[in-house]
N, C-alpha and C. Protein backbone atom coordinates (compact mmCIF):
# COMPACT_ATOMS: atom_id res chain seq x y z
N MET A 1 77.01 5.56 1.74
CA MET A 1 76.12 4.68 1.00
C MET A 1 76.75 4.24 -0.29
N SER A 2 76.35 3.13 -0.74
CA SER A 2 76.87 2.57 -1.97
C SER A 2 76.12 3.15 -3.16
N GLY A 3 76.73 3.24 -4.30
CA GLY A 3 76.11 3.73 -5.52
C GLY A 3 75.26 2.67 -6.20
N ASN A 4 75.20 1.45 -5.61
CA ASN A 4 74.45 0.36 -6.20
C ASN A 4 73.04 0.23 -5.65
N ALA A 5 72.53 1.23 -4.98
CA ALA A 5 71.18 1.14 -4.39
C ALA A 5 70.15 0.99 -5.51
N LYS A 6 69.18 0.13 -5.25
CA LYS A 6 68.13 -0.11 -6.24
C LYS A 6 67.25 1.12 -6.38
N PRO A 7 66.85 1.47 -7.61
CA PRO A 7 65.96 2.63 -7.77
C PRO A 7 64.58 2.29 -7.21
N LYS A 8 63.92 3.32 -6.67
CA LYS A 8 62.58 3.11 -6.13
C LYS A 8 61.63 2.85 -7.28
N ARG A 9 60.70 1.97 -7.05
CA ARG A 9 59.71 1.66 -8.06
C ARG A 9 58.41 2.35 -7.68
N ARG A 10 58.03 3.30 -8.44
CA ARG A 10 56.84 4.09 -8.15
C ARG A 10 55.57 3.24 -8.21
N TRP A 11 55.54 2.25 -9.07
CA TRP A 11 54.32 1.45 -9.21
C TRP A 11 54.02 0.69 -7.93
N VAL A 12 55.05 0.33 -7.16
CA VAL A 12 54.83 -0.36 -5.89
C VAL A 12 54.08 0.57 -4.93
N THR A 13 54.50 1.82 -4.88
CA THR A 13 53.83 2.80 -4.02
C THR A 13 52.38 2.98 -4.45
N VAL A 14 52.16 3.10 -5.74
CA VAL A 14 50.79 3.27 -6.26
C VAL A 14 49.96 2.03 -5.93
N LEU A 15 50.53 0.87 -6.16
CA LEU A 15 49.81 -0.37 -5.88
C LEU A 15 49.47 -0.48 -4.39
N LEU A 16 50.40 -0.14 -3.52
CA LEU A 16 50.14 -0.19 -2.08
C LEU A 16 49.07 0.83 -1.69
N THR A 17 49.09 1.99 -2.30
CA THR A 17 48.07 3.01 -2.02
C THR A 17 46.69 2.53 -2.46
N VAL A 18 46.60 1.96 -3.66
CA VAL A 18 45.33 1.43 -4.14
C VAL A 18 44.85 0.29 -3.24
N SER A 19 45.76 -0.56 -2.82
CA SER A 19 45.42 -1.66 -1.93
C SER A 19 44.89 -1.15 -0.60
N LEU A 20 45.55 -0.14 -0.04
CA LEU A 20 45.10 0.45 1.22
C LEU A 20 43.71 1.05 1.06
N ALA A 21 43.48 1.76 -0.05
CA ALA A 21 42.17 2.37 -0.29
C ALA A 21 41.09 1.31 -0.38
N LEU A 22 41.37 0.21 -1.09
CA LEU A 22 40.39 -0.87 -1.20
C LEU A 22 40.12 -1.52 0.16
N ASN A 23 41.17 -1.71 0.94
CA ASN A 23 41.00 -2.28 2.28
C ASN A 23 40.14 -1.37 3.16
N LEU A 24 40.38 -0.06 3.09
CA LEU A 24 39.58 0.88 3.86
C LEU A 24 38.12 0.87 3.39
N LEU A 25 37.92 0.73 2.09
CA LEU A 25 36.57 0.64 1.55
C LEU A 25 35.85 -0.59 2.09
N VAL A 26 36.51 -1.72 2.09
CA VAL A 26 35.91 -2.96 2.60
C VAL A 26 35.59 -2.82 4.09
N VAL A 27 36.51 -2.26 4.85
CA VAL A 27 36.27 -2.07 6.28
C VAL A 27 35.08 -1.12 6.48
N GLY A 28 35.03 -0.05 5.71
CA GLY A 28 33.92 0.89 5.81
C GLY A 28 32.58 0.26 5.51
N VAL A 29 32.54 -0.56 4.46
CA VAL A 29 31.29 -1.26 4.11
C VAL A 29 30.91 -2.22 5.23
N ALA A 30 31.88 -2.96 5.75
CA ALA A 30 31.59 -3.91 6.82
C ALA A 30 31.08 -3.19 8.07
N LEU A 31 31.74 -2.12 8.46
CA LEU A 31 31.31 -1.37 9.64
C LEU A 31 29.93 -0.74 9.42
N GLY A 32 29.69 -0.23 8.22
CA GLY A 32 28.38 0.34 7.91
C GLY A 32 27.28 -0.70 8.00
N THR A 33 27.57 -1.90 7.51
CA THR A 33 26.59 -2.99 7.57
C THR A 33 26.30 -3.37 9.01
N VAL A 34 27.35 -3.52 9.81
CA VAL A 34 27.18 -3.85 11.22
C VAL A 34 26.37 -2.76 11.92
N TYR A 35 26.68 -1.52 11.63
CA TYR A 35 25.97 -0.40 12.25
C TYR A 35 24.48 -0.45 11.93
N ARG A 36 24.16 -0.70 10.66
CA ARG A 36 22.75 -0.77 10.27
C ARG A 36 22.05 -1.96 10.90
N VAL A 37 22.71 -3.11 10.92
CA VAL A 37 22.10 -4.33 11.45
C VAL A 37 21.95 -4.25 12.97
N LYS A 38 22.89 -3.64 13.65
CA LYS A 38 22.88 -3.59 15.11
C LYS A 38 22.10 -2.40 15.66
N GLY A 39 21.19 -1.87 14.90
CA GLY A 39 20.33 -0.82 15.44
C GLY A 39 20.70 0.57 14.99
N GLY A 40 21.37 0.66 13.87
CA GLY A 40 21.67 1.97 13.33
C GLY A 40 20.39 2.67 12.90
N HIS A 41 20.52 3.77 12.27
CA HIS A 41 19.37 4.57 11.89
C HIS A 41 18.75 4.03 10.60
N HIS A 42 17.75 3.18 10.75
CA HIS A 42 17.02 2.70 9.58
C HIS A 42 16.16 3.83 9.06
N GLY A 43 16.02 3.87 7.76
CA GLY A 43 15.11 4.82 7.18
C GLY A 43 15.57 6.26 7.21
N LYS A 44 16.85 6.51 7.24
CA LYS A 44 17.34 7.88 7.29
C LYS A 44 17.33 8.55 5.92
N GLY A 45 16.97 7.84 4.91
CA GLY A 45 16.90 8.43 3.59
C GLY A 45 16.17 7.51 2.65
N PRO A 46 15.74 8.06 1.55
CA PRO A 46 15.03 7.21 0.59
C PRO A 46 15.99 6.22 -0.08
N PRO A 47 15.45 5.17 -0.66
CA PRO A 47 16.30 4.20 -1.35
C PRO A 47 16.87 4.80 -2.64
N GLY A 48 17.79 4.07 -3.25
CA GLY A 48 18.35 4.50 -4.52
C GLY A 48 17.26 4.64 -5.57
N PHE A 49 17.36 5.66 -6.40
CA PHE A 49 16.30 5.99 -7.35
C PHE A 49 16.10 4.91 -8.41
N ALA A 50 17.16 4.59 -9.17
CA ALA A 50 17.03 3.63 -10.27
C ALA A 50 16.62 2.24 -9.79
N PRO A 51 17.26 1.69 -8.73
CA PRO A 51 16.83 0.37 -8.28
C PRO A 51 15.37 0.34 -7.83
N THR A 52 14.90 1.43 -7.24
CA THR A 52 13.53 1.47 -6.77
C THR A 52 12.56 1.51 -7.94
N LEU A 53 12.87 2.29 -8.97
CA LEU A 53 12.02 2.33 -10.15
C LEU A 53 11.93 0.94 -10.78
N TYR A 54 13.04 0.24 -10.80
CA TYR A 54 13.09 -1.11 -11.37
C TYR A 54 12.29 -2.09 -10.51
N ARG A 55 12.50 -2.07 -9.20
CA ARG A 55 11.83 -3.01 -8.30
C ARG A 55 10.31 -2.85 -8.31
N ALA A 56 9.84 -1.63 -8.57
CA ALA A 56 8.40 -1.39 -8.57
C ALA A 56 7.72 -1.94 -9.82
N LEU A 57 8.49 -2.26 -10.86
CA LEU A 57 7.90 -2.85 -12.06
C LEU A 57 7.40 -4.26 -11.74
N PRO A 58 6.35 -4.69 -12.42
CA PRO A 58 5.91 -6.08 -12.25
C PRO A 58 7.03 -7.04 -12.64
N LYS A 59 7.03 -8.20 -12.04
CA LYS A 59 8.10 -9.19 -12.25
C LYS A 59 8.33 -9.47 -13.73
N GLU A 60 7.27 -9.64 -14.50
CA GLU A 60 7.42 -9.96 -15.93
C GLU A 60 8.04 -8.78 -16.70
N GLU A 61 7.75 -7.56 -16.26
CA GLU A 61 8.35 -6.38 -16.90
C GLU A 61 9.85 -6.30 -16.58
N ARG A 62 10.20 -6.62 -15.35
CA ARG A 62 11.63 -6.62 -14.98
C ARG A 62 12.39 -7.66 -15.80
N LYS A 63 11.78 -8.82 -15.96
CA LYS A 63 12.41 -9.89 -16.74
C LYS A 63 12.59 -9.46 -18.19
N ALA A 64 11.58 -8.84 -18.77
CA ALA A 64 11.66 -8.38 -20.16
C ALA A 64 12.73 -7.29 -20.31
N LEU A 65 12.79 -6.39 -19.35
CA LEU A 65 13.78 -5.32 -19.39
C LEU A 65 15.19 -5.90 -19.33
N ARG A 66 15.41 -6.85 -18.44
CA ARG A 66 16.73 -7.51 -18.36
C ARG A 66 17.07 -8.18 -19.68
N SER A 67 16.10 -8.83 -20.29
CA SER A 67 16.32 -9.52 -21.56
C SER A 67 16.72 -8.54 -22.66
N GLU A 68 16.02 -7.41 -22.72
CA GLU A 68 16.32 -6.40 -23.74
C GLU A 68 17.73 -5.85 -23.61
N LEU A 69 18.22 -5.77 -22.39
CA LEU A 69 19.52 -5.15 -22.15
C LEU A 69 20.65 -6.16 -21.96
N SER A 70 20.36 -7.45 -22.13
CA SER A 70 21.38 -8.47 -21.85
C SER A 70 22.57 -8.36 -22.80
N GLU A 71 22.33 -8.06 -24.06
CA GLU A 71 23.44 -7.93 -25.02
C GLU A 71 24.35 -6.77 -24.62
N ARG A 72 23.73 -5.67 -24.24
CA ARG A 72 24.51 -4.51 -23.80
C ARG A 72 25.32 -4.85 -22.56
N HIS A 73 24.73 -5.62 -21.65
CA HIS A 73 25.43 -6.02 -20.43
C HIS A 73 26.63 -6.90 -20.77
N THR A 74 26.45 -7.85 -21.67
CA THR A 74 27.55 -8.75 -22.07
C THR A 74 28.68 -7.94 -22.70
N LYS A 75 28.33 -7.01 -23.59
CA LYS A 75 29.34 -6.17 -24.23
C LYS A 75 30.06 -5.32 -23.17
N GLY A 76 29.31 -4.80 -22.22
CA GLY A 76 29.89 -3.99 -21.15
C GLY A 76 30.86 -4.78 -20.30
N ALA A 77 30.53 -6.06 -20.03
CA ALA A 77 31.41 -6.91 -19.23
C ALA A 77 32.74 -7.13 -19.96
N LYS A 78 32.68 -7.33 -21.27
CA LYS A 78 33.92 -7.50 -22.05
C LYS A 78 34.75 -6.22 -22.03
N MET A 79 34.07 -5.08 -22.16
CA MET A 79 34.77 -3.80 -22.13
C MET A 79 35.42 -3.56 -20.77
N ARG A 80 34.72 -3.93 -19.69
CA ARG A 80 35.29 -3.74 -18.35
C ARG A 80 36.55 -4.59 -18.18
N SER A 81 36.53 -5.81 -18.72
CA SER A 81 37.73 -6.65 -18.65
C SER A 81 38.90 -5.97 -19.34
N GLN A 82 38.64 -5.40 -20.52
CA GLN A 82 39.69 -4.69 -21.25
C GLN A 82 40.15 -3.45 -20.48
N ASP A 83 39.18 -2.75 -19.88
CA ASP A 83 39.53 -1.55 -19.12
C ASP A 83 40.39 -1.89 -17.91
N PHE A 84 40.08 -2.99 -17.23
CA PHE A 84 40.90 -3.38 -16.08
C PHE A 84 42.32 -3.72 -16.52
N ALA A 85 42.45 -4.40 -17.65
CA ALA A 85 43.79 -4.73 -18.16
C ALA A 85 44.56 -3.45 -18.49
N ALA A 86 43.88 -2.50 -19.13
CA ALA A 86 44.53 -1.23 -19.47
C ALA A 86 44.88 -0.44 -18.21
N LEU A 87 43.99 -0.48 -17.22
CA LEU A 87 44.26 0.21 -15.95
C LEU A 87 45.46 -0.40 -15.25
N GLU A 88 45.52 -1.72 -15.25
CA GLU A 88 46.67 -2.39 -14.63
C GLU A 88 47.97 -1.98 -15.32
N ALA A 89 47.94 -1.94 -16.64
CA ALA A 89 49.14 -1.54 -17.38
C ALA A 89 49.52 -0.09 -17.05
N ALA A 90 48.51 0.78 -16.94
CA ALA A 90 48.78 2.18 -16.61
C ALA A 90 49.36 2.31 -15.19
N LEU A 91 48.87 1.49 -14.26
CA LEU A 91 49.39 1.53 -12.90
C LEU A 91 50.84 1.02 -12.82
N ARG A 92 51.18 0.10 -13.72
CA ARG A 92 52.53 -0.48 -13.70
C ARG A 92 53.53 0.34 -14.53
N ALA A 93 53.05 1.27 -15.33
CA ALA A 93 53.93 2.03 -16.22
C ALA A 93 54.95 2.84 -15.44
N GLU A 94 56.15 2.87 -15.97
CA GLU A 94 57.21 3.70 -15.39
C GLU A 94 57.74 4.59 -16.50
N PRO A 95 57.65 5.85 -16.38
CA PRO A 95 57.11 6.58 -15.24
C PRO A 95 55.58 6.51 -15.23
N PHE A 96 55.02 6.67 -14.03
CA PHE A 96 53.58 6.65 -13.84
C PHE A 96 52.95 7.86 -14.52
N ASP A 97 51.87 7.61 -15.25
CA ASP A 97 51.18 8.69 -15.97
C ASP A 97 49.76 8.81 -15.41
N PRO A 98 49.53 9.74 -14.48
CA PRO A 98 48.20 9.87 -13.89
C PRO A 98 47.12 10.22 -14.92
N GLU A 99 47.51 10.88 -16.01
CA GLU A 99 46.52 11.22 -17.04
C GLU A 99 45.98 9.97 -17.71
N ALA A 100 46.80 8.96 -17.88
CA ALA A 100 46.34 7.71 -18.47
C ALA A 100 45.33 7.02 -17.56
N VAL A 101 45.59 7.06 -16.26
CA VAL A 101 44.65 6.47 -15.30
C VAL A 101 43.36 7.27 -15.30
N GLN A 102 43.48 8.59 -15.31
CA GLN A 102 42.29 9.45 -15.34
C GLN A 102 41.45 9.18 -16.59
N ALA A 103 42.11 8.96 -17.71
CA ALA A 103 41.38 8.67 -18.96
C ALA A 103 40.58 7.37 -18.82
N ARG A 104 41.16 6.36 -18.18
CA ARG A 104 40.44 5.10 -17.96
C ARG A 104 39.24 5.32 -17.05
N LEU A 105 39.44 6.10 -15.98
CA LEU A 105 38.33 6.37 -15.06
C LEU A 105 37.21 7.13 -15.77
N GLN A 106 37.55 8.10 -16.60
CA GLN A 106 36.54 8.84 -17.34
C GLN A 106 35.83 7.95 -18.36
N GLN A 107 36.57 7.06 -18.99
CA GLN A 107 35.97 6.13 -19.95
C GLN A 107 34.96 5.22 -19.24
N GLN A 108 35.32 4.76 -18.06
CA GLN A 108 34.43 3.89 -17.30
C GLN A 108 33.18 4.66 -16.84
N ALA A 109 33.36 5.90 -16.40
CA ALA A 109 32.23 6.73 -15.99
C ALA A 109 31.29 6.98 -17.17
N GLN A 110 31.84 7.21 -18.35
CA GLN A 110 31.02 7.43 -19.54
C GLN A 110 30.23 6.17 -19.89
N ALA A 111 30.86 5.02 -19.79
CA ALA A 111 30.17 3.77 -20.08
C ALA A 111 29.00 3.56 -19.11
N MET A 112 29.22 3.88 -17.84
CA MET A 112 28.15 3.75 -16.85
C MET A 112 27.01 4.73 -17.14
N ALA A 113 27.36 5.95 -17.55
CA ALA A 113 26.34 6.95 -17.87
C ALA A 113 25.51 6.50 -19.08
N GLU A 114 26.17 5.90 -20.07
CA GLU A 114 25.45 5.41 -21.25
C GLU A 114 24.52 4.26 -20.89
N LEU A 115 24.97 3.37 -20.01
CA LEU A 115 24.13 2.27 -19.57
C LEU A 115 22.92 2.80 -18.80
N GLN A 116 23.16 3.74 -17.91
CA GLN A 116 22.06 4.31 -17.14
C GLN A 116 21.05 4.99 -18.07
N SER A 117 21.53 5.69 -19.06
CA SER A 117 20.64 6.36 -20.01
C SER A 117 19.81 5.34 -20.79
N ALA A 118 20.44 4.25 -21.20
CA ALA A 118 19.70 3.20 -21.92
C ALA A 118 18.63 2.58 -21.02
N LEU A 119 18.98 2.35 -19.76
CA LEU A 119 18.00 1.80 -18.82
C LEU A 119 16.83 2.76 -18.63
N GLN A 120 17.13 4.04 -18.48
CA GLN A 120 16.07 5.03 -18.31
C GLN A 120 15.16 5.09 -19.53
N ASP A 121 15.76 5.03 -20.72
CA ASP A 121 14.96 5.06 -21.95
C ASP A 121 14.02 3.85 -22.02
N LYS A 122 14.54 2.66 -21.72
CA LYS A 122 13.72 1.45 -21.76
C LYS A 122 12.62 1.52 -20.70
N TRP A 123 12.97 2.02 -19.51
CA TRP A 123 11.98 2.15 -18.44
C TRP A 123 10.87 3.11 -18.87
N LEU A 124 11.26 4.25 -19.43
CA LEU A 124 10.26 5.24 -19.85
C LEU A 124 9.39 4.70 -20.98
N ASP A 125 9.97 3.92 -21.88
CA ASP A 125 9.17 3.28 -22.93
C ASP A 125 8.08 2.41 -22.32
N ARG A 126 8.42 1.65 -21.30
CA ARG A 126 7.46 0.77 -20.63
C ARG A 126 6.38 1.59 -19.93
N ILE A 127 6.78 2.63 -19.23
CA ILE A 127 5.82 3.46 -18.50
C ILE A 127 4.89 4.17 -19.49
N THR A 128 5.43 4.66 -20.59
CA THR A 128 4.64 5.36 -21.61
C THR A 128 3.61 4.43 -22.24
N ALA A 129 3.95 3.15 -22.38
CA ALA A 129 3.03 2.18 -23.00
C ALA A 129 1.92 1.74 -22.04
N MET A 130 2.02 2.07 -20.77
CA MET A 130 1.01 1.66 -19.79
C MET A 130 -0.28 2.47 -19.97
N THR A 131 -1.36 1.85 -19.61
CA THR A 131 -2.62 2.57 -19.53
C THR A 131 -2.59 3.44 -18.28
N ASP A 132 -3.58 4.33 -18.17
CA ASP A 132 -3.65 5.17 -16.97
C ASP A 132 -3.76 4.30 -15.72
N ALA A 133 -4.58 3.27 -15.79
CA ALA A 133 -4.77 2.39 -14.62
C ALA A 133 -3.48 1.64 -14.28
N GLU A 134 -2.76 1.18 -15.29
CA GLU A 134 -1.49 0.48 -15.05
C GLU A 134 -0.46 1.43 -14.43
N ARG A 135 -0.44 2.69 -14.90
CA ARG A 135 0.49 3.66 -14.33
C ARG A 135 0.14 3.97 -12.89
N GLN A 136 -1.15 4.04 -12.58
CA GLN A 136 -1.59 4.27 -11.20
C GLN A 136 -1.15 3.11 -10.30
N ALA A 137 -1.31 1.90 -10.81
CA ALA A 137 -0.89 0.71 -10.05
C ALA A 137 0.63 0.72 -9.86
N TYR A 138 1.35 1.12 -10.90
CA TYR A 138 2.81 1.21 -10.79
C TYR A 138 3.19 2.24 -9.73
N ALA A 139 2.54 3.39 -9.75
CA ALA A 139 2.82 4.44 -8.76
C ALA A 139 2.56 3.92 -7.34
N ASP A 140 1.51 3.10 -7.18
CA ASP A 140 1.23 2.50 -5.87
C ASP A 140 2.36 1.56 -5.45
N ARG A 141 2.82 0.71 -6.38
CA ARG A 141 3.93 -0.21 -6.07
C ARG A 141 5.20 0.56 -5.76
N LEU A 142 5.45 1.63 -6.50
CA LEU A 142 6.62 2.46 -6.26
C LEU A 142 6.57 3.03 -4.84
N GLN A 143 5.42 3.53 -4.45
CA GLN A 143 5.27 4.08 -3.09
C GLN A 143 5.51 2.99 -2.05
N GLU A 144 5.01 1.78 -2.29
CA GLU A 144 5.21 0.68 -1.35
C GLU A 144 6.69 0.33 -1.22
N VAL A 145 7.40 0.27 -2.35
CA VAL A 145 8.82 -0.06 -2.31
C VAL A 145 9.59 1.00 -1.53
N VAL A 146 9.29 2.26 -1.77
CA VAL A 146 9.97 3.35 -1.06
C VAL A 146 9.68 3.26 0.44
N GLU A 147 8.43 3.03 0.80
CA GLU A 147 8.07 2.95 2.23
C GLU A 147 8.71 1.75 2.91
N ARG A 148 8.74 0.61 2.21
CA ARG A 148 9.39 -0.58 2.79
C ARG A 148 10.85 -0.30 3.07
N LYS A 149 11.53 0.33 2.12
CA LYS A 149 12.95 0.63 2.28
C LYS A 149 13.15 1.66 3.39
N ALA A 150 12.28 2.66 3.44
CA ALA A 150 12.42 3.70 4.46
C ALA A 150 12.20 3.14 5.87
N HIS A 151 11.46 2.05 5.97
CA HIS A 151 11.20 1.45 7.29
C HIS A 151 12.05 0.21 7.53
N GLY A 152 13.01 -0.05 6.65
CA GLY A 152 13.96 -1.14 6.86
C GLY A 152 13.44 -2.52 6.53
N ARG A 153 12.31 -2.60 5.84
CA ARG A 153 11.78 -3.92 5.47
C ARG A 153 12.30 -4.30 4.10
N LYS A 154 12.44 -5.59 3.91
CA LYS A 154 12.95 -6.09 2.64
C LYS A 154 11.85 -6.11 1.60
N HIS A 155 12.28 -6.00 0.31
CA HIS A 155 11.36 -6.04 -0.82
C HIS A 155 10.90 -7.46 -1.08
N LYS A 156 9.63 -7.62 -1.35
CA LYS A 156 9.07 -8.93 -1.71
C LYS A 156 8.87 -8.96 -3.21
N ASP A 157 9.18 -10.08 -3.85
CA ASP A 157 8.89 -10.24 -5.29
C ASP A 157 7.54 -10.82 -5.49
């Protein structure tokens, strides 16, 4: 062999691995969707907790909640753009530093946890401000949303 062989680029391997993982994720989602649509097991579990709590709110309450959190959402979108740029740089770094990638993943998980906490706080504020009758009506709507999802029916607004 010649001494002029090009050095292996580790970032190419990492990039190909990430690409393969994303492709497998897309295939898995597509197959899961086909399975559910073609007679898979509808209603095998309850719907997601946070989306269900949100969907059970009256339409005007959902709109107000979105409005209250819109600034946080905009800021989060800007931060995600920066995080993706930093992640790309970390993936391209030679030598590859898995700790830098892990730090980005942890930062993103923390941002999601903070957003979820803010949503829960706003939701609880709304529920706390309800009268007993309004809370009973909300509980009824929540039960309806859960049952619709458990039986494979779509949510109506």
